[in-house]
Amino acid sequence: QMNNLKPEDTAVYYCAADPGAVCVGTRILTP
């Protein structure tokens, strides 16, 4: 859910999945 959108939010948005990825710590959001 994206609210109060700004021009700098303009982009192609991708979702990504992996069972070994983490959502915490130093490797967070590493493509």
PDB file of all heavy atoms in Angstrom:
ATOM      1  N   GLN A   1       0.853  -1.180   0.000  1.00  0.00           N
ATOM      2  CA  GLN A   1       0.000   0.000   0.000  1.00  0.00           C
ATOM      3  C   GLN A   1       0.886   1.225   0.000  1.00  0.00           C
ATOM      4  O   GLN A   1       1.711   1.391   0.910  1.00  0.00           O
ATOM      5  CB  GLN A   1      -0.913  -0.009   1.228  1.00  0.00           C
ATOM      6  CG  GLN A   1      -1.809   1.219   1.342  1.00  0.00           C
ATOM      7  CD  GLN A   1      -2.855   1.290   0.241  1.00  0.00           C
ATOM      8  OE1 GLN A   1      -3.468   0.304  -0.113  1.00  0.00           O
ATOM      9  NE2 GLN A   1      -3.053   2.490  -0.309  1.00  0.00           N
ATOM     10  N   MET A   2       0.724   2.062  -0.986  1.00  0.00           N
ATOM     11  CA  MET A   2       1.573   3.239  -1.137  1.00  0.00           C
ATOM     12  C   MET A   2       0.703   4.491  -1.032  1.00  0.00           C
ATOM     13  O   MET A   2      -0.199   4.689  -1.849  1.00  0.00           O
ATOM     14  CB  MET A   2       2.292   3.197  -2.491  1.00  0.00           C
ATOM     15  CG  MET A   2       3.066   1.913  -2.723  1.00  0.00           C
ATOM     16  SD  MET A   2       4.084   1.955  -4.216  1.00  0.00           S
ATOM     17  CE  MET A   2       2.824   2.126  -5.458  1.00  0.00           C
ATOM     18  N   ASN A   3       0.975   5.304  -0.032  1.00  0.00           N
ATOM     19  CA  ASN A   3       0.214   6.519   0.210  1.00  0.00           C
ATOM     20  C   ASN A   3       1.118   7.739   0.053  1.00  0.00           C
ATOM     21  O   ASN A   3       2.337   7.641   0.108  1.00  0.00           O
ATOM     22  CB  ASN A   3      -0.393   6.499   1.607  1.00  0.00           C
ATOM     23  CG  ASN A   3      -1.332   5.334   1.815  1.00  0.00           C
ATOM     24  OD1 ASN A   3      -2.086   4.953   0.921  1.00  0.00           O
ATOM     25  ND2 ASN A   3      -1.301   4.745   3.009  1.00  0.00           N
ATOM     26  N   ASN A   4       0.483   8.894  -0.115  1.00  0.00           N
ATOM     27  CA  ASN A   4       1.220  10.156  -0.244  1.00  0.00           C
ATOM     28  C   ASN A   4       2.373  10.022  -1.241  1.00  0.00           C
ATOM     29  O   ASN A   4       3.516  10.363  -0.938  1.00  0.00           O
ATOM     30  CB  ASN A   4       1.749  10.599   1.123  1.00  0.00           C
ATOM     31  CG  ASN A   4       2.304  12.006   1.116  1.00  0.00           C
ATOM     32  OD1 ASN A   4       1.965  12.817   0.251  1.00  0.00           O
ATOM     33  ND2 ASN A   4       3.180  12.294   2.060  1.00  0.00           N
ATOM     34  N   LEU A   5       2.046   9.525  -2.404  1.00  0.00           N
ATOM     35  CA  LEU A   5       3.069   9.265  -3.402  1.00  0.00           C
ATOM     36  C   LEU A   5       3.720  10.555  -3.895  1.00  0.00           C
ATOM     37  O   LEU A   5       3.076  11.607  -3.996  1.00  0.00           O
ATOM     38  CB  LEU A   5       2.471   8.492  -4.581  1.00  0.00           C
ATOM     39  CG  LEU A   5       2.253   7.007  -4.281  1.00  0.00           C
ATOM     40  CD1 LEU A   5       1.251   6.392  -5.248  1.00  0.00           C
ATOM     41  CD2 LEU A   5       3.572   6.260  -4.334  1.00  0.00           C
ATOM     42  N   LYS A   6       5.000  10.454  -4.181  1.00  0.00           N
ATOM     43  CA  LYS A   6       5.797  11.586  -4.631  1.00  0.00           C
ATOM     44  C   LYS A   6       6.369  11.283  -6.015  1.00  0.00           C
ATOM     45  O   LYS A   6       6.535  10.109  -6.375  1.00  0.00           O
ATOM     46  CB  LYS A   6       6.938  11.826  -3.642  1.00  0.00           C
ATOM     47  CG  LYS A   6       6.498  12.045  -2.210  1.00  0.00           C
ATOM     48  CD  LYS A   6       7.696  12.178  -1.291  1.00  0.00           C
ATOM     49  CE  LYS A   6       7.251  12.397   0.150  1.00  0.00           C
ATOM     50  NZ  LYS A   6       8.419  12.536   1.064  1.00  0.00           N
ATOM     51  N   PRO A   7       6.715  12.307  -6.770  1.00  0.00           N
ATOM     52  CA  PRO A   7       7.307  12.050  -8.100  1.00  0.00           C
ATOM     53  C   PRO A   7       8.532  11.146  -8.035  1.00  0.00           C
ATOM     54  O   PRO A   7       8.755  10.355  -8.961  1.00  0.00           O
ATOM     55  CB  PRO A   7       7.662  13.459  -8.579  1.00  0.00           C
ATOM     56  CG  PRO A   7       6.658  14.342  -7.925  1.00  0.00           C
ATOM     57  CD  PRO A   7       6.449  13.738  -6.559  1.00  0.00           C
ATOM     58  N   GLU A   8       9.295  11.232  -6.965  1.00  0.00           N
ATOM     59  CA  GLU A   8      10.493  10.396  -6.847  1.00  0.00           C
ATOM     60  C   GLU A   8      10.168   8.932  -6.586  1.00  0.00           C
ATOM     61  O   GLU A   8      11.071   8.088  -6.574  1.00  0.00           O
ATOM     62  CB  GLU A   8      11.426  10.931  -5.758  1.00  0.00           C
ATOM     63  CG  GLU A   8      10.759  11.170  -4.417  1.00  0.00           C
ATOM     64  CD  GLU A   8      10.356  12.629  -4.233  1.00  0.00           C
ATOM     65  OE1 GLU A   8       9.835  13.245  -5.197  1.00  0.00           O
ATOM     66  OE2 GLU A   8      10.546  13.154  -3.108  1.00  0.00           O
ATOM     67  N   ASP A   9       8.909   8.599  -6.392  1.00  0.00           N
ATOM     68  CA  ASP A   9       8.499   7.197  -6.280  1.00  0.00           C
ATOM     69  C   ASP A   9       8.297   6.560  -7.651  1.00  0.00           C
ATOM     70  O   ASP A   9       8.056   5.350  -7.743  1.00  0.00           O
ATOM     71  CB  ASP A   9       7.201   7.075  -5.483  1.00  0.00           C
ATOM     72  CG  ASP A   9       7.352   7.492  -4.028  1.00  0.00           C
ATOM     73  OD1 ASP A   9       8.378   7.141  -3.412  1.00  0.00           O
ATOM     74  OD2 ASP A   9       6.437   8.168  -3.506  1.00  0.00           O
ATOM     75  N   THR A  10       8.371   7.341  -8.694  1.00  0.00           N
ATOM     76  CA  THR A  10       8.205   6.819 -10.047  1.00  0.00           C
ATOM     77  C   THR A  10       9.286   5.794 -10.365  1.00  0.00           C
ATOM     78  O   THR A  10      10.476   6.075 -10.242  1.00  0.00           O
ATOM     79  CB  THR A  10       8.255   7.968 -11.068  1.00  0.00           C
ATOM     80  OG1 THR A  10       7.141   8.838 -10.852  1.00  0.00           O
ATOM     81  CG2 THR A  10       8.200   7.437 -12.494  1.00  0.00           C
ATOM     82  N   ALA A  11       8.858   4.609 -10.755  1.00  0.00           N
ATOM     83  CA  ALA A  11       9.787   3.508 -11.032  1.00  0.00           C
ATOM     84  C   ALA A  11       8.993   2.288 -11.472  1.00  0.00           C
ATOM     85  O   ALA A  11       7.763   2.258 -11.358  1.00  0.00           O
ATOM     86  CB  ALA A  11      10.605   3.168  -9.789  1.00  0.00           C
ATOM     87  N   VAL A  12       9.715   1.294 -11.945  1.00  0.00           N
ATOM     88  CA  VAL A  12       9.131  -0.041 -12.111  1.00  0.00           C
ATOM     89  C   VAL A  12       9.317  -0.767 -10.783  1.00  0.00           C
ATOM     90  O   VAL A  12      10.430  -0.809 -10.248  1.00  0.00           O
ATOM     91  CB  VAL A  12       9.800  -0.815 -13.255  1.00  0.00           C
ATOM     92  CG1 VAL A  12       9.194  -2.215 -13.359  1.00  0.00           C
ATOM     93  CG2 VAL A  12       9.636  -0.061 -14.570  1.00  0.00           C
ATOM     94  N   TYR A  13       8.236  -1.295 -10.269  1.00  0.00           N
ATOM     95  CA  TYR A  13       8.251  -1.992  -8.990  1.00  0.00           C
ATOM     96  C   TYR A  13       8.232  -3.501  -9.225  1.00  0.00           C
ATOM     97  O   TYR A  13       7.388  -4.006  -9.988  1.00  0.00           O
ATOM     98  CB  TYR A  13       7.060  -1.566  -8.141  1.00  0.00           C
ATOM     99  CG  TYR A  13       7.241  -0.208  -7.522  1.00  0.00           C
ATOM    100  CD1 TYR A  13       7.216   0.948  -8.298  1.00  0.00           C
ATOM    101  CD2 TYR A  13       7.469  -0.062  -6.157  1.00  0.00           C
ATOM    102  CE1 TYR A  13       7.408   2.200  -7.740  1.00  0.00           C
ATOM    103  CE2 TYR A  13       7.661   1.175  -5.585  1.00  0.00           C
ATOM    104  CZ  TYR A  13       7.631   2.309  -6.376  1.00  0.00           C
ATOM    105  OH  TYR A  13       7.830   3.545  -5.816  1.00  0.00           O
ATOM    106  N   TYR A  14       9.142  -4.189  -8.562  1.00  0.00           N
ATOM    107  CA  TYR A  14       9.278  -5.627  -8.686  1.00  0.00           C
ATOM    108  C   TYR A  14       9.072  -6.288  -7.323  1.00  0.00           C
ATOM    109  O   TYR A  14       9.549  -5.765  -6.311  1.00  0.00           O
ATOM    110  CB  TYR A  14      10.668  -6.001  -9.172  1.00  0.00           C
ATOM    111  CG  TYR A  14      11.071  -5.432 -10.510  1.00  0.00           C
ATOM    112  CD1 TYR A  14      11.696  -4.191 -10.595  1.00  0.00           C
ATOM    113  CD2 TYR A  14      10.852  -6.139 -11.690  1.00  0.00           C
ATOM    114  CE1 TYR A  14      12.081  -3.659 -11.818  1.00  0.00           C
ATOM    115  CE2 TYR A  14      11.231  -5.622 -12.910  1.00  0.00           C
ATOM    116  CZ  TYR A  14      11.839  -4.386 -12.966  1.00  0.00           C
ATOM    117  OH  TYR A  14      12.220  -3.867 -14.183  1.00  0.00           O
ATOM    118  N   CYS A  15       8.421  -7.426  -7.317  1.00  0.00           N
ATOM    119  CA  CYS A  15       8.442  -8.226  -6.108  1.00  0.00           C
ATOM    120  C   CYS A  15       9.419  -9.385  -6.321  1.00  0.00           C
ATOM    121  O   CYS A  15       9.659  -9.820  -7.459  1.00  0.00           O
ATOM    122  CB  CYS A  15       7.059  -8.720  -5.701  1.00  0.00           C
ATOM    123  SG  CYS A  15       6.274  -9.864  -6.837  1.00  0.00           S
ATOM    124  N   ALA A  16       9.981  -9.833  -5.232  1.00  0.00           N
ATOM    125  CA  ALA A  16      10.977 -10.891  -5.271  1.00  0.00           C
ATOM    126  C   ALA A  16      10.758 -11.823  -4.091  1.00  0.00           C
ATOM    127  O   ALA A  16      10.292 -11.397  -3.027  1.00  0.00           O
ATOM    128  CB  ALA A  16      12.381 -10.301  -5.232  1.00  0.00           C
ATOM    129  N   ALA A  17      11.110 -13.080  -4.295  1.00  0.00           N
ATOM    130  CA  ALA A  17      10.883 -14.092  -3.264  1.00  0.00           C
ATOM    131  C   ALA A  17      12.069 -15.024  -3.167  1.00  0.00           C
ATOM    132  O   ALA A  17      12.704 -15.355  -4.183  1.00  0.00           O
ATOM    133  CB  ALA A  17       9.619 -14.897  -3.584  1.00  0.00           C
ATOM    134  N   ASP A  18      12.340 -15.460  -1.959  1.00  0.00           N
ATOM    135  CA  ASP A  18      13.381 -16.461  -1.756  1.00  0.00           C
ATOM    136  C   ASP A  18      13.211 -17.050  -0.353  1.00  0.00           C
ATOM    137  O   ASP A  18      13.022 -16.287   0.597  1.00  0.00           O
ATOM    138  CB  ASP A  18      14.772 -15.842  -1.906  1.00  0.00           C
ATOM    139  CG  ASP A  18      15.827 -16.902  -2.126  1.00  0.00           C
ATOM    140  OD1 ASP A  18      16.199 -17.573  -1.144  1.00  0.00           O
ATOM    141  OD2 ASP A  18      16.264 -17.076  -3.285  1.00  0.00           O
ATOM    142  N   PRO A  19      13.332 -18.365  -0.220  1.00  0.00           N
ATOM    143  CA  PRO A  19      13.189 -18.949   1.111  1.00  0.00           C
ATOM    144  C   PRO A  19      14.383 -18.678   2.010  1.00  0.00           C
ATOM    145  O   PRO A  19      14.278 -18.781   3.236  1.00  0.00           O
ATOM    146  CB  PRO A  19      13.043 -20.451   0.822  1.00  0.00           C
ATOM    147  CG  PRO A  19      13.742 -20.642  -0.482  1.00  0.00           C
ATOM    148  CD  PRO A  19      13.508 -19.386  -1.256  1.00  0.00           C
ATOM    149  N   GLY A  20      15.503 -18.312   1.424  1.00  0.00           N
ATOM    150  CA  GLY A  20      16.707 -18.086   2.214  1.00  0.00           C
ATOM    151  C   GLY A  20      16.987 -16.627   2.516  1.00  0.00           C
ATOM    152  O   GLY A  20      17.939 -16.317   3.238  1.00  0.00           O
ATOM    153  N   ALA A  21      16.167 -15.728   1.970  1.00  0.00           N
ATOM    154  CA  ALA A  21      16.369 -14.303   2.238  1.00  0.00           C
ATOM    155  C   ALA A  21      15.945 -13.981   3.666  1.00  0.00           C
ATOM    156  O   ALA A  21      15.260 -14.759   4.327  1.00  0.00           O
ATOM    157  CB  ALA A  21      15.585 -13.473   1.233  1.00  0.00           C
ATOM    158  N   VAL A  22      16.359 -12.815   4.127  1.00  0.00           N
ATOM    159  CA  VAL A  22      15.992 -12.379   5.473  1.00  0.00           C
ATOM    160  C   VAL A  22      15.365 -10.992   5.414  1.00  0.00           C
ATOM    161  O   VAL A  22      15.625 -10.217   4.489  1.00  0.00           O
ATOM    162  CB  VAL A  22      17.216 -12.367   6.404  1.00  0.00           C
ATOM    163  CG1 VAL A  22      17.753 -13.774   6.611  1.00  0.00           C
ATOM    164  CG2 VAL A  22      18.304 -11.448   5.875  1.00  0.00           C
ATOM    165  N   CYS A  23      14.556 -10.723   6.394  1.00  0.00           N
ATOM    166  CA  CYS A  23      13.938  -9.392   6.519  1.00  0.00           C
ATOM    167  C   CYS A  23      14.395  -8.785   7.833  1.00  0.00           C
ATOM    168  O   CYS A  23      13.615  -8.139   8.533  1.00  0.00           O
ATOM    169  CB  CYS A  23      12.427  -9.505   6.419  1.00  0.00           C
ATOM    170  SG  CYS A  23      11.587  -7.908   6.242  1.00  0.00           S
ATOM    171  N   VAL A  24      15.649  -8.978   8.134  1.00  0.00           N
ATOM    172  CA  VAL A  24      16.236  -8.428   9.349  1.00  0.00           C
ATOM    173  C   VAL A  24      17.746  -8.505   9.182  1.00  0.00           C
ATOM    174  O   VAL A  24      18.255  -9.349   8.444  1.00  0.00           O
ATOM    175  CB  VAL A  24      15.772  -9.233  10.583  1.00  0.00           C
ATOM    176  CG1 VAL A  24      16.298 -10.659  10.548  1.00  0.00           C
ATOM    177  CG2 VAL A  24      16.180  -8.525  11.874  1.00  0.00           C
ATOM    178  N   GLY A  25      18.450  -7.582   9.834  1.00  0.00           N
ATOM    179  CA  GLY A  25      19.899  -7.687   9.827  1.00  0.00           C
ATOM    180  C   GLY A  25      20.570  -6.988   8.659  1.00  0.00           C
ATOM    181  O   GLY A  25      19.953  -6.242   7.893  1.00  0.00           O
ATOM    182  N   THR A  26      21.838  -7.281   8.476  1.00  0.00           N
ATOM    183  CA  THR A  26      22.660  -6.528   7.540  1.00  0.00           C
ATOM    184  C   THR A  26      22.386  -6.867   6.075  1.00  0.00           C
ATOM    185  O   THR A  26      22.701  -6.079   5.191  1.00  0.00           O
ATOM    186  CB  THR A  26      24.145  -6.762   7.826  1.00  0.00           C
ATOM    187  OG1 THR A  26      24.407  -8.161   7.770  1.00  0.00           O
ATOM    188  CG2 THR A  26      24.517  -6.240   9.209  1.00  0.00           C
ATOM    189  N   ARG A  27      21.805  -8.038   5.787  1.00  0.00           N
ATOM    190  CA  ARG A  27      21.578  -8.421   4.390  1.00  0.00           C
ATOM    191  C   ARG A  27      20.161  -8.094   3.936  1.00  0.00           C
ATOM    192  O   ARG A  27      19.720  -8.547   2.889  1.00  0.00           O
ATOM    193  CB  ARG A  27      21.863  -9.909   4.176  1.00  0.00           C
ATOM    194  CG  ARG A  27      23.336 -10.248   4.278  1.00  0.00           C
ATOM    195  CD  ARG A  27      23.647 -11.575   3.597  1.00  0.00           C
ATOM    196  NE  ARG A  27      23.384 -11.530   2.164  1.00  0.00           N
ATOM    197  CZ  ARG A  27      24.218 -11.025   1.264  1.00  0.00           C
ATOM    198  NH1 ARG A  27      25.366 -10.485   1.660  1.00  0.00           N
ATOM    199  NH2 ARG A  27      23.921 -11.024  -0.027  1.00  0.00           N
ATOM    200  N   ILE A  28      19.486  -7.295   4.706  1.00  0.00           N
ATOM    201  CA  ILE A  28      18.112  -6.960   4.371  1.00  0.00           C
ATOM    202  C   ILE A  28      18.038  -6.261   3.017  1.00  0.00           C
ATOM    203  O   ILE A  28      18.882  -5.432   2.686  1.00  0.00           O
ATOM    204  CB  ILE A  28      17.515  -6.087   5.500  1.00  0.00           C
ATOM    205  CG1 ILE A  28      16.002  -6.154   5.488  1.00  0.00           C
ATOM    206  CG2 ILE A  28      18.029  -4.679   5.450  1.00  0.00           C
ATOM    207  CD1 ILE A  28      15.407  -5.609   6.758  1.00  0.00           C
ATOM    208  N   LEU A  29      17.055  -6.614   2.214  1.00  0.00           N
ATOM    209  CA  LEU A  29      16.811  -5.994   0.911  1.00  0.00           C
ATOM    210  C   LEU A  29      18.045  -6.027   0.008  1.00  0.00           C
ATOM    211  O   LEU A  29      18.369  -5.030  -0.654  1.00  0.00           O
ATOM    212  CB  LEU A  29      16.288  -4.565   1.086  1.00  0.00           C
ATOM    213  CG  LEU A  29      14.898  -4.452   1.701  1.00  0.00           C
ATOM    214  CD1 LEU A  29      14.533  -2.993   1.966  1.00  0.00           C
ATOM    215  CD2 LEU A  29      13.855  -5.102   0.807  1.00  0.00           C
ATOM    216  N   THR A  30      18.718  -7.173  -0.014  1.00  0.00           N
ATOM    217  CA  THR A  30      19.845  -7.363  -0.918  1.00  0.00           C
ATOM    218  C   THR A  30      19.357  -8.107  -2.166  1.00  0.00           C
ATOM    219  O   THR A  30      18.972  -9.271  -2.077  1.00  0.00           O
ATOM    220  CB  THR A  30      20.949  -8.187  -0.235  1.00  0.00           C
ATOM    221  OG1 THR A  30      21.377  -7.502   0.940  1.00  0.00           O
ATOM    222  CG2 THR A  30      22.125  -8.403  -1.172  1.00  0.00           C
ATOM    223  N   PRO A  31      19.347  -7.462  -3.330  1.00  0.00           N
ATOM    224  CA  PRO A  31      18.760  -8.096  -4.529  1.00  0.00           C
ATOM    225  C   PRO A  31      19.350  -9.455  -4.863  1.00  0.00           C
ATOM    226  O   PRO A  31      18.620 -10.360  -5.299  1.00  0.00           O
ATOM    227  CB  PRO A  31      19.034  -7.082  -5.633  1.00  0.00           C
ATOM    228  CG  PRO A  31      19.130  -5.765  -4.928  1.00  0.00           C
ATOM    229  CD  PRO A  31      19.779  -6.078  -3.616  1.00  0.00           C
TER     230      PRO A  31
END
